[in-house]
């Protein structure tokens, strides 16, 4: 997870656990401008959240976004525990 630009932390929804798949889809698709800004600068980019659904949906979107921007990335996931709460993470690694 070296040299990853983490984009979470600037939105109040970053720590939200969404109620429905529709909300997850809307939220993750809205993150595209944030991710592509860093992907196009040849950076690795990541996102962390307590909502595992967001990570699963981003795992399907990251490869699509990379292809659309003519980039090759590998997608990595992980989790950590902070103050008793599991935080799920996803990040890209440039190939």
PDB file of N, CA and C in Angstrom:
ATOM      1  N   UNK A   1       0.817  -1.195   0.000  1.00  0.00           N
ATOM      2  CA  UNK A   1       0.000   0.000   0.000  1.00  0.00           C
ATOM      3  C   UNK A   1       0.860   1.258   0.000  1.00  0.00           C
ATOM      4  N   UNK A   2       2.047   1.152  -0.541  1.00  0.00           N
ATOM      5  CA  UNK A   2       2.922   2.312  -0.625  1.00  0.00           C
ATOM      6  C   UNK A   2       2.474   3.217  -1.765  1.00  0.00           C
ATOM      7  N   UNK A   3       2.685   4.501  -1.579  1.00  0.00           N
ATOM      8  CA  UNK A   3       2.395   5.485  -2.620  1.00  0.00           C
ATOM      9  C   UNK A   3       0.954   5.443  -3.109  1.00  0.00           C
ATOM     10  N   UNK A   4       0.024   5.242  -2.193  1.00  0.00           N
ATOM     11  CA  UNK A   4      -1.395   5.245  -2.535  1.00  0.00           C
ATOM     12  C   UNK A   4      -1.986   6.566  -2.087  1.00  0.00           C
ATOM     13  N   UNK A   5      -2.692   7.231  -2.973  1.00  0.00           N
ATOM     14  CA  UNK A   5      -3.413   8.458  -2.633  1.00  0.00           C
ATOM     15  C   UNK A   5      -4.806   8.038  -2.168  1.00  0.00           C
ATOM     16  N   UNK A   6      -5.059   8.154  -0.877  1.00  0.00           N
ATOM     17  CA  UNK A   6      -6.358   7.770  -0.309  1.00  0.00           C
ATOM     18  C   UNK A   6      -7.310   8.949  -0.454  1.00  0.00           C
ATOM     19  N   UNK A   7      -8.415   8.725  -1.137  1.00  0.00           N
ATOM     20  CA  UNK A   7      -9.315   9.847  -1.391  1.00  0.00           C
ATOM     21  C   UNK A   7     -10.432   9.965  -0.365  1.00  0.00           C
ATOM     22  N   UNK A   8     -10.542   9.019   0.547  1.00  0.00           N
ATOM     23  CA  UNK A   8     -11.598   9.135   1.544  1.00  0.00           C
ATOM     24  C   UNK A   8     -11.198  10.154   2.606  1.00  0.00           C
ATOM     25  N   UNK A   9     -12.202  10.659   3.299  1.00  0.00           N
ATOM     26  CA  UNK A   9     -11.950  11.624   4.352  1.00  0.00           C
ATOM     27  C   UNK A   9     -12.466  13.008   4.043  1.00  0.00           C
ATOM     28  N   UNK A  10     -12.842  13.241   2.801  1.00  0.00           N
ATOM     29  CA  UNK A  10     -13.316  14.579   2.448  1.00  0.00           C
ATOM     30  C   UNK A  10     -14.837  14.660   2.320  1.00  0.00           C
ATOM     31  N   UNK A  11     -15.514  13.533   2.482  1.00  0.00           N
ATOM     32  CA  UNK A  11     -16.978  13.506   2.382  1.00  0.00           C
ATOM     33  C   UNK A  11     -17.576  12.906   3.645  1.00  0.00           C
ATOM     34  N   UNK A  12     -18.720  13.421   4.078  1.00  0.00           N
ATOM     35  CA  UNK A  12     -19.360  12.874   5.277  1.00  0.00           C
ATOM     36  C   UNK A  12     -19.840  11.441   5.040  1.00  0.00           C
ATOM     37  N   UNK A  13     -20.066  11.071   3.790  1.00  0.00           N
ATOM     38  CA  UNK A  13     -20.536   9.727   3.470  1.00  0.00           C
ATOM     39  C   UNK A  13     -19.434   8.674   3.550  1.00  0.00           C
ATOM     40  N   UNK A  14     -18.193   9.087   3.689  1.00  0.00           N
ATOM     41  CA  UNK A  14     -17.072   8.147   3.719  1.00  0.00           C
ATOM     42  C   UNK A  14     -17.212   7.101   4.821  1.00  0.00           C
ATOM     43  N   UNK A  15     -17.798   7.461   5.926  1.00  0.00           N
ATOM     44  CA  UNK A  15     -17.940   6.543   7.055  1.00  0.00           C
ATOM     45  C   UNK A  15     -19.345   5.970   7.186  1.00  0.00           C
ATOM     46  N   UNK A  16     -20.130   6.153   6.186  1.00  0.00           N
ATOM     47  CA  UNK A  16     -21.528   5.690   6.208  1.00  0.00           C
ATOM     48  C   UNK A  16     -21.621   4.239   5.759  1.00  0.00           C
ATOM     49  N   UNK A  17     -22.533   3.511   6.376  1.00  0.00           N
ATOM     50  CA  UNK A  17     -22.891   2.180   5.905  1.00  0.00           C
ATOM     51  C   UNK A  17     -24.247   2.337   5.220  1.00  0.00           C
ATOM     52  N   UNK A  18     -24.261   2.130   3.926  1.00  0.00           N
ATOM     53  CA  UNK A  18     -25.454   2.378   3.123  1.00  0.00           C
ATOM     54  C   UNK A  18     -26.496   1.288   3.334  1.00  0.00           C
ATOM     55  N   UNK A  19     -27.758   1.684   3.230  1.00  0.00           N
ATOM     56  CA  UNK A  19     -28.866   0.756   3.466  1.00  0.00           C
ATOM     57  C   UNK A  19     -29.174  -0.120   2.264  1.00  0.00           C
ATOM     58  N   UNK A  20     -28.966   0.394   1.066  1.00  0.00           N
ATOM     59  CA  UNK A  20     -29.391  -0.355  -0.115  1.00  0.00           C
ATOM     60  C   UNK A  20     -28.289  -0.420  -1.163  1.00  0.00           C
ATOM     61  N   UNK A  21     -28.417  -1.377  -2.045  1.00  0.00           N
ATOM     62  CA  UNK A  21     -27.491  -1.502  -3.171  1.00  0.00           C
ATOM     63  C   UNK A  21     -27.585  -0.286  -4.081  1.00  0.00           C
ATOM     64  N   UNK A  22     -28.782   0.281  -4.210  1.00  0.00           N
ATOM     65  CA  UNK A  22     -28.955   1.474  -5.039  1.00  0.00           C
ATOM     66  C   UNK A  22     -28.094   2.621  -4.507  1.00  0.00           C
ATOM     67  N   UNK A  23     -28.121   2.835  -3.183  1.00  0.00           N
ATOM     68  CA  UNK A  23     -27.308   3.896  -2.581  1.00  0.00           C
ATOM     69  C   UNK A  23     -25.818   3.641  -2.793  1.00  0.00           C
ATOM     70  N   UNK A  24     -25.405   2.382  -2.657  1.00  0.00           N
ATOM     71  CA  UNK A  24     -24.011   2.025  -2.870  1.00  0.00           C
ATOM     72  C   UNK A  24     -23.603   2.336  -4.304  1.00  0.00           C
ATOM     73  N   UNK A  25     -24.437   1.942  -5.247  1.00  0.00           N
ATOM     74  CA  UNK A  25     -24.143   2.183  -6.660  1.00  0.00           C
ATOM     75  C   UNK A  25     -24.034   3.686  -6.939  1.00  0.00           C
ATOM     76  N   UNK A  26     -24.978   4.448  -6.457  1.00  0.00           N
ATOM     77  CA  UNK A  26     -24.962   5.895  -6.670  1.00  0.00           C
ATOM     78  C   UNK A  26     -23.705   6.524  -6.054  1.00  0.00           C
ATOM     79  N   UNK A  27     -23.360   6.125  -4.835  1.00  0.00           N
ATOM     80  CA  UNK A  27     -22.202   6.703  -4.164  1.00  0.00           C
ATOM     81  C   UNK A  27     -20.903   6.352  -4.881  1.00  0.00           C
ATOM     82  N   UNK A  28     -20.716   5.080  -5.191  1.00  0.00           N
ATOM     83  CA  UNK A  28     -19.451   4.675  -5.793  1.00  0.00           C
ATOM     84  C   UNK A  28     -19.277   5.267  -7.185  1.00  0.00           C
ATOM     85  N   UNK A  29     -20.337   5.331  -7.958  1.00  0.00           N
ATOM     86  CA  UNK A  29     -20.223   5.928  -9.287  1.00  0.00           C
ATOM     87  C   UNK A  29     -19.928   7.418  -9.204  1.00  0.00           C
ATOM     88  N   UNK A  30     -20.391   8.065  -8.140  1.00  0.00           N
ATOM     89  CA  UNK A  30     -20.112   9.494  -7.954  1.00  0.00           C
ATOM     90  C   UNK A  30     -18.650   9.750  -7.592  1.00  0.00           C
ATOM     91  N   UNK A  31     -17.934   8.720  -7.166  1.00  0.00           N
ATOM     92  CA  UNK A  31     -16.521   8.873  -6.817  1.00  0.00           C
ATOM     93  C   UNK A  31     -15.600   8.885  -8.043  1.00  0.00           C
ATOM     94  N   UNK A  32     -16.127   8.579  -9.213  1.00  0.00           N
ATOM     95  CA  UNK A  32     -15.313   8.493 -10.423  1.00  0.00           C
ATOM     96  C   UNK A  32     -14.419   9.719 -10.644  1.00  0.00           C
ATOM     97  N   UNK A  33     -14.938  10.945 -10.578  1.00  0.00           N
ATOM     98  CA  UNK A  33     -14.058  12.106 -10.821  1.00  0.00           C
ATOM     99  C   UNK A  33     -12.875  12.174  -9.858  1.00  0.00           C
ATOM    100  N   UNK A  34     -13.083  11.775  -8.604  1.00  0.00           N
ATOM    101  CA  UNK A  34     -11.997  11.787  -7.635  1.00  0.00           C
ATOM    102  C   UNK A  34     -10.926  10.763  -7.997  1.00  0.00           C
ATOM    103  N   UNK A  35     -11.360   9.572  -8.370  1.00  0.00           N
ATOM    104  CA  UNK A  35     -10.406   8.522  -8.714  1.00  0.00           C
ATOM    105  C   UNK A  35      -9.665   8.830 -10.001  1.00  0.00           C
ATOM    106  N   UNK A  36     -10.378   9.233 -11.012  1.00  0.00           N
ATOM    107  CA  UNK A  36      -9.741   9.429 -12.313  1.00  0.00           C
ATOM    108  C   UNK A  36      -8.731  10.577 -12.279  1.00  0.00           C
ATOM    109  N   UNK A  37      -8.947  11.540 -11.429  1.00  0.00           N
ATOM    110  CA  UNK A  37      -7.991  12.649 -11.310  1.00  0.00           C
ATOM    111  C   UNK A  37      -6.616  12.133 -10.891  1.00  0.00           C
ATOM    112  N   UNK A  38      -6.591  11.148 -10.011  1.00  0.00           N
ATOM    113  CA  UNK A  38      -5.312  10.593  -9.557  1.00  0.00           C
ATOM    114  C   UNK A  38      -4.819   9.485 -10.468  1.00  0.00           C
ATOM    115  N   UNK A  39      -5.719   8.686 -11.008  1.00  0.00           N
ATOM    116  CA  UNK A  39      -5.308   7.619 -11.926  1.00  0.00           C
ATOM    117  C   UNK A  39      -4.624   8.196 -13.159  1.00  0.00           C
ATOM    118  N   UNK A  40      -5.168   9.286 -13.672  1.00  0.00           N
ATOM    119  CA  UNK A  40      -4.589   9.872 -14.878  1.00  0.00           C
ATOM    120  C   UNK A  40      -3.238  10.528 -14.603  1.00  0.00           C
ATOM    121  N   UNK A  41      -2.949  10.835 -13.344  1.00  0.00           N
ATOM    122  CA  UNK A  41      -1.640  11.382 -12.968  1.00  0.00           C
ATOM    123  C   UNK A  41      -0.634  10.275 -12.667  1.00  0.00           C
ATOM    124  N   UNK A  42      -0.981   9.065 -13.022  1.00  0.00           N
ATOM    125  CA  UNK A  42      -0.100   7.904 -12.836  1.00  0.00           C
ATOM    126  C   UNK A  42       0.128   7.552 -11.368  1.00  0.00           C
ATOM    127  N   UNK A  43      -0.825   7.895 -10.520  1.00  0.00           N
ATOM    128  CA  UNK A  43      -0.742   7.551  -9.103  1.00  0.00           C
ATOM    129  C   UNK A  43      -1.564   6.307  -8.812  1.00  0.00           C
ATOM    130  N   UNK A  44      -1.227   5.628  -7.737  1.00  0.00           N
ATOM    131  CA  UNK A  44      -2.108   4.604  -7.204  1.00  0.00           C
ATOM    132  C   UNK A  44      -3.132   5.328  -6.346  1.00  0.00           C
ATOM    133  N   UNK A  45      -4.357   4.844  -6.361  1.00  0.00           N
ATOM    134  CA  UNK A  45      -5.424   5.516  -5.637  1.00  0.00           C
ATOM    135  C   UNK A  45      -6.189   4.487  -4.830  1.00  0.00           C
ATOM    136  N   UNK A  46      -6.668   4.905  -3.654  1.00  0.00           N
ATOM    137  CA  UNK A  46      -7.376   3.981  -2.785  1.00  0.00           C
ATOM    138  C   UNK A  46      -8.535   4.629  -2.063  1.00  0.00           C
ATOM    139  N   UNK A  47      -9.363   3.774  -1.474  1.00  0.00           N
ATOM    140  CA  UNK A  47     -10.530   4.228  -0.727  1.00  0.00           C
ATOM    141  C   UNK A  47     -10.734   3.280   0.442  1.00  0.00           C
ATOM    142  N   UNK A  48     -11.124   3.812   1.589  1.00  0.00           N
ATOM    143  CA  UNK A  48     -11.375   3.014   2.784  1.00  0.00           C
ATOM    144  C   UNK A  48     -12.737   3.390   3.358  1.00  0.00           C
ATOM    145  N   UNK A  49     -13.471   2.395   3.837  1.00  0.00           N
ATOM    146  CA  UNK A  49     -14.823   2.610   4.339  1.00  0.00           C
ATOM    147  C   UNK A  49     -15.223   1.463   5.264  1.00  0.00           C
ATOM    148  N   UNK A  50     -16.141   1.718   6.183  1.00  0.00           N
ATOM    149  CA  UNK A  50     -16.649   0.612   6.995  1.00  0.00           C
ATOM    150  C   UNK A  50     -17.700  -0.229   6.258  1.00  0.00           C
ATOM    151  N   UNK A  51     -18.094   0.197   5.061  1.00  0.00           N
ATOM    152  CA  UNK A  51     -19.136  -0.502   4.301  1.00  0.00           C
ATOM    153  C   UNK A  51     -18.504  -1.420   3.252  1.00  0.00           C
ATOM    154  N   UNK A  52     -18.537  -2.701   3.509  1.00  0.00           N
ATOM    155  CA  UNK A  52     -17.942  -3.677   2.597  1.00  0.00           C
ATOM    156  C   UNK A  52     -18.613  -3.659   1.227  1.00  0.00           C
ATOM    157  N   UNK A  53     -19.891  -3.286   1.169  1.00  0.00           N
ATOM    158  CA  UNK A  53     -20.619  -3.228  -0.108  1.00  0.00           C
ATOM    159  C   UNK A  53     -19.974  -2.217  -1.055  1.00  0.00           C
ATOM    160  N   UNK A  54     -19.500  -1.116  -0.522  1.00  0.00           N
ATOM    161  CA  UNK A  54     -18.853  -0.092  -1.339  1.00  0.00           C
ATOM    162  C   UNK A  54     -17.581  -0.654  -1.966  1.00  0.00           C
ATOM    163  N   UNK A  55     -16.809  -1.375  -1.187  1.00  0.00           N
ATOM    164  CA  UNK A  55     -15.556  -1.948  -1.692  1.00  0.00           C
ATOM    165  C   UNK A  55     -15.842  -2.971  -2.788  1.00  0.00           C
ATOM    166  N   UNK A  56     -16.841  -3.803  -2.578  1.00  0.00           N
ATOM    167  CA  UNK A  56     -17.181  -4.812  -3.589  1.00  0.00           C
ATOM    168  C   UNK A  56     -17.605  -4.161  -4.903  1.00  0.00           C
ATOM    169  N   UNK A  57     -18.360  -3.086  -4.822  1.00  0.00           N
ATOM    170  CA  UNK A  57     -18.796  -2.421  -6.045  1.00  0.00           C
ATOM    171  C   UNK A  57     -17.625  -1.697  -6.709  1.00  0.00           C
ATOM    172  N   UNK A  58     -16.779  -1.056  -5.917  1.00  0.00           N
ATOM    173  CA  UNK A  58     -15.597  -0.397  -6.485  1.00  0.00           C
ATOM    174  C   UNK A  58     -14.670  -1.411  -7.147  1.00  0.00           C
ATOM    175  N   UNK A  59     -14.618  -2.629  -6.611  1.00  0.00           N
ATOM    176  CA  UNK A  59     -13.767  -3.666  -7.209  1.00  0.00           C
ATOM    177  C   UNK A  59     -14.205  -3.990  -8.631  1.00  0.00           C
ATOM    178  N   UNK A  60     -15.477  -3.821  -8.918  1.00  0.00           N
ATOM    179  CA  UNK A  60     -15.942  -4.044 -10.293  1.00  0.00           C
ATOM    180  C   UNK A  60     -15.769  -2.797 -11.159  1.00  0.00           C
ATOM    181  N   UNK A  61     -15.768  -1.622 -10.534  1.00  0.00           N
ATOM    182  CA  UNK A  61     -15.647  -0.376 -11.295  1.00  0.00           C
ATOM    183  C   UNK A  61     -14.197  -0.007 -11.624  1.00  0.00           C
ATOM    184  N   UNK A  62     -13.264  -0.250 -10.708  1.00  0.00           N
ATOM    185  CA  UNK A  62     -11.873   0.145 -10.940  1.00  0.00           C
ATOM    186  C   UNK A  62     -11.327  -0.354 -12.272  1.00  0.00           C
ATOM    187  N   UNK A  63     -11.488  -1.643 -12.594  1.00  0.00           N
ATOM    188  CA  UNK A  63     -10.964  -2.108 -13.887  1.00  0.00           C
ATOM    189  C   UNK A  63     -11.623  -1.409 -15.081  1.00  0.00           C
ATOM    190  N   UNK A  64     -12.918  -1.146 -14.990  1.00  0.00           N
ATOM    191  CA  UNK A  64     -13.623  -0.447 -16.070  1.00  0.00           C
ATOM    192  C   UNK A  64     -13.084   0.965 -16.230  1.00  0.00           C
ATOM    193  N   UNK A  65     -12.892   1.655 -15.121  1.00  0.00           N
ATOM    194  CA  UNK A  65     -12.386   3.025 -15.166  1.00  0.00           C
ATOM    195  C   UNK A  65     -10.974   3.055 -15.735  1.00  0.00           C
ATOM    196  N   UNK A  66     -10.161   2.072 -15.372  1.00  0.00           N
ATOM    197  CA  UNK A  66      -8.784   2.016 -15.877  1.00  0.00           C
ATOM    198  C   UNK A  66      -8.780   1.802 -17.390  1.00  0.00           C
ATOM    199  N   UNK A  67      -9.575   0.863 -17.873  1.00  0.00           N
ATOM    200  CA  UNK A  67      -9.643   0.598 -19.320  1.00  0.00           C
ATOM    201  C   UNK A  67     -10.127   1.838 -20.056  1.00  0.00           C
ATOM    202  N   UNK A  68     -11.141   2.476 -19.528  1.00  0.00           N
ATOM    203  CA  UNK A  68     -11.686   3.677 -20.153  1.00  0.00           C
ATOM    204  C   UNK A  68     -10.618   4.771 -20.279  1.00  0.00           C
ATOM    205  N   UNK A  69      -9.708   4.812 -19.302  1.00  0.00           N
ATOM    206  CA  UNK A  69      -8.642   5.821 -19.307  1.00  0.00           C
ATOM    207  C   UNK A  69      -7.330   5.293 -19.858  1.00  0.00           C
ATOM    208  N   UNK A  70      -7.401   4.135 -20.512  1.00  0.00           N
ATOM    209  CA  UNK A  70      -6.233   3.519 -21.153  1.00  0.00           C
ATOM    210  C   UNK A  70      -5.082   3.283 -20.174  1.00  0.00           C
ATOM    211  N   UNK A  71      -5.426   2.766 -18.998  1.00  0.00           N
ATOM    212  CA  UNK A  71      -4.449   2.455 -17.965  1.00  0.00           C
ATOM    213  C   UNK A  71      -4.520   0.975 -17.623  1.00  0.00           C
ATOM    214  N   UNK A  72      -3.428   0.449 -17.132  1.00  0.00           N
ATOM    215  CA  UNK A  72      -3.406  -0.926 -16.657  1.00  0.00           C
ATOM    216  C   UNK A  72      -3.132  -0.909 -15.163  1.00  0.00           C
ATOM    217  N   UNK A  73      -4.085  -1.453 -14.400  1.00  0.00           N
ATOM    218  CA  UNK A  73      -3.933  -1.497 -12.946  1.00  0.00           C
ATOM    219  C   UNK A  73      -4.328  -2.868 -12.430  1.00  0.00           C
ATOM    220  N   UNK A  74      -3.769  -3.175 -11.308  1.00  0.00           N
ATOM    221  CA  UNK A  74      -4.206  -4.331 -10.530  1.00  0.00           C
ATOM    222  C   UNK A  74      -5.006  -3.758  -9.365  1.00  0.00           C
ATOM    223  N   UNK A  75      -6.045  -4.452  -8.947  1.00  0.00           N
ATOM    224  CA  UNK A  75      -6.880  -3.980  -7.852  1.00  0.00           C
ATOM    225  C   UNK A  75      -6.618  -4.849  -6.631  1.00  0.00           C
ATOM    226  N   UNK A  76      -6.323  -4.211  -5.511  1.00  0.00           N
ATOM    227  CA  UNK A  76      -6.037  -4.909  -4.263  1.00  0.00           C
ATOM    228  C   UNK A  76      -7.071  -4.524  -3.213  1.00  0.00           C
ATOM    229  N   UNK A  77      -7.371  -5.462  -2.338  1.00  0.00           N
ATOM    230  CA  UNK A  77      -8.292  -5.178  -1.238  1.00  0.00           C
ATOM    231  C   UNK A  77      -7.682  -5.678   0.061  1.00  0.00           C
ATOM    232  N   UNK A  78      -8.161  -5.108   1.146  1.00  0.00           N
ATOM    233  CA  UNK A  78      -7.713  -5.519   2.462  1.00  0.00           C
ATOM    234  C   UNK A  78      -8.636  -4.947   3.511  1.00  0.00           C
ATOM    235  N   UNK A  79      -8.325  -5.233   4.733  1.00  0.00           N
ATOM    236  CA  UNK A  79      -9.114  -4.675   5.824  1.00  0.00           C
ATOM    237  C   UNK A  79      -8.235  -4.497   7.041  1.00  0.00           C
ATOM    238  N   UNK A  80      -8.651  -3.582   7.897  1.00  0.00           N
ATOM    239  CA  UNK A  80      -7.948  -3.315   9.141  1.00  0.00           C
ATOM    240  C   UNK A  80      -8.994  -3.018  10.200  1.00  0.00           C
ATOM    241  N   UNK A  81      -8.611  -3.113  11.438  1.00  0.00           N
ATOM    242  CA  UNK A  81      -9.533  -2.805  12.525  1.00  0.00           C
ATOM    243  C   UNK A  81      -9.055  -1.550  13.222  1.00  0.00           C
ATOM    244  N   UNK A  82      -9.967  -0.588  13.354  1.00  0.00           N
ATOM    245  CA  UNK A  82      -9.655   0.668  14.032  1.00  0.00           C
ATOM    246  C   UNK A  82     -10.705   0.889  15.106  1.00  0.00           C
ATOM    247  N   UNK A  83     -10.276   0.944  16.342  1.00  0.00           N
ATOM    248  CA  UNK A  83     -11.178   1.137  17.483  1.00  0.00           C
ATOM    249  C   UNK A  83     -12.340   0.149  17.464  1.00  0.00           C
ATOM    250  N   UNK A  84     -12.049  -1.107  17.150  1.00  0.00           N
ATOM    251  CA  UNK A  84     -13.072  -2.152  17.164  1.00  0.00           C
ATOM    252  C   UNK A  84     -13.947  -2.209  15.929  1.00  0.00           C
ATOM    253  N   UNK A  85     -13.719  -1.340  14.968  1.00  0.00           N
ATOM    254  CA  UNK A  85     -14.522  -1.333  13.744  1.00  0.00           C
ATOM    255  C   UNK A  85     -13.655  -1.774  12.567  1.00  0.00           C
ATOM    256  N   UNK A  86     -14.207  -2.673  11.749  1.00  0.00           N
ATOM    257  CA  UNK A  86     -13.481  -3.128  10.570  1.00  0.00           C
ATOM    258  C   UNK A  86     -13.605  -2.067   9.481  1.00  0.00           C
ATOM    259  N   UNK A  87     -12.474  -1.690   8.922  1.00  0.00           N
ATOM    260  CA  UNK A  87     -12.418  -0.745   7.808  1.00  0.00           C
ATOM    261  C   UNK A  87     -11.921  -1.517   6.596  1.00  0.00           C
ATOM    262  N   UNK A  88     -12.717  -1.505   5.542  1.00  0.00           N
ATOM    263  CA  UNK A  88     -12.379  -2.199   4.305  1.00  0.00           C
ATOM    264  C   UNK A  88     -11.652  -1.228   3.379  1.00  0.00           C
ATOM    265  N   UNK A  89     -10.652  -1.747   2.656  1.00  0.00           N
ATOM    266  CA  UNK A  89      -9.839  -0.895   1.793  1.00  0.00           C
ATOM    267  C   UNK A  89      -9.732  -1.500   0.405  1.00  0.00           C
ATOM    268  N   UNK A  90      -9.622  -0.611  -0.572  1.00  0.00           N
ATOM    269  CA  UNK A  90      -9.364  -1.014  -1.944  1.00  0.00           C
ATOM    270  C   UNK A  90      -8.398   0.003  -2.537  1.00  0.00           C
ATOM    271  N   UNK A  91      -7.447  -0.474  -3.353  1.00  0.00           N
ATOM    272  CA  UNK A  91      -6.487   0.436  -3.963  1.00  0.00           C
ATOM    273  C   UNK A  91      -5.981  -0.159  -5.262  1.00  0.00           C
ATOM    274  N   UNK A  92      -5.424   0.700  -6.074  1.00  0.00           N
ATOM    275  CA  UNK A  92      -4.870   0.266  -7.361  1.00  0.00           C
ATOM    276  C   UNK A  92      -3.349   0.190  -7.275  1.00  0.00           C
ATOM    277  N   UNK A  93      -2.794  -0.657  -8.113  1.00  0.00           N
ATOM    278  CA  UNK A  93      -1.355  -0.747  -8.288  1.00  0.00           C
ATOM    279  C   UNK A  93      -1.120  -0.694  -9.788  1.00  0.00           C
ATOM    280  N   UNK A  94      -0.380   0.295 -10.244  1.00  0.00           N
ATOM    281  CA  UNK A  94      -0.112   0.454 -11.674  1.00  0.00           C
ATOM    282  C   UNK A  94       0.742  -0.696 -12.173  1.00  0.00           C
ATOM    283  N   UNK A  95       0.405  -1.209 -13.334  1.00  0.00           N
ATOM    284  CA  UNK A  95       1.180  -2.286 -13.953  1.00  0.00           C
ATOM    285  C   UNK A  95       2.117  -1.727 -14.992  1.00  0.00           C
TER     286      UNK A  95
END
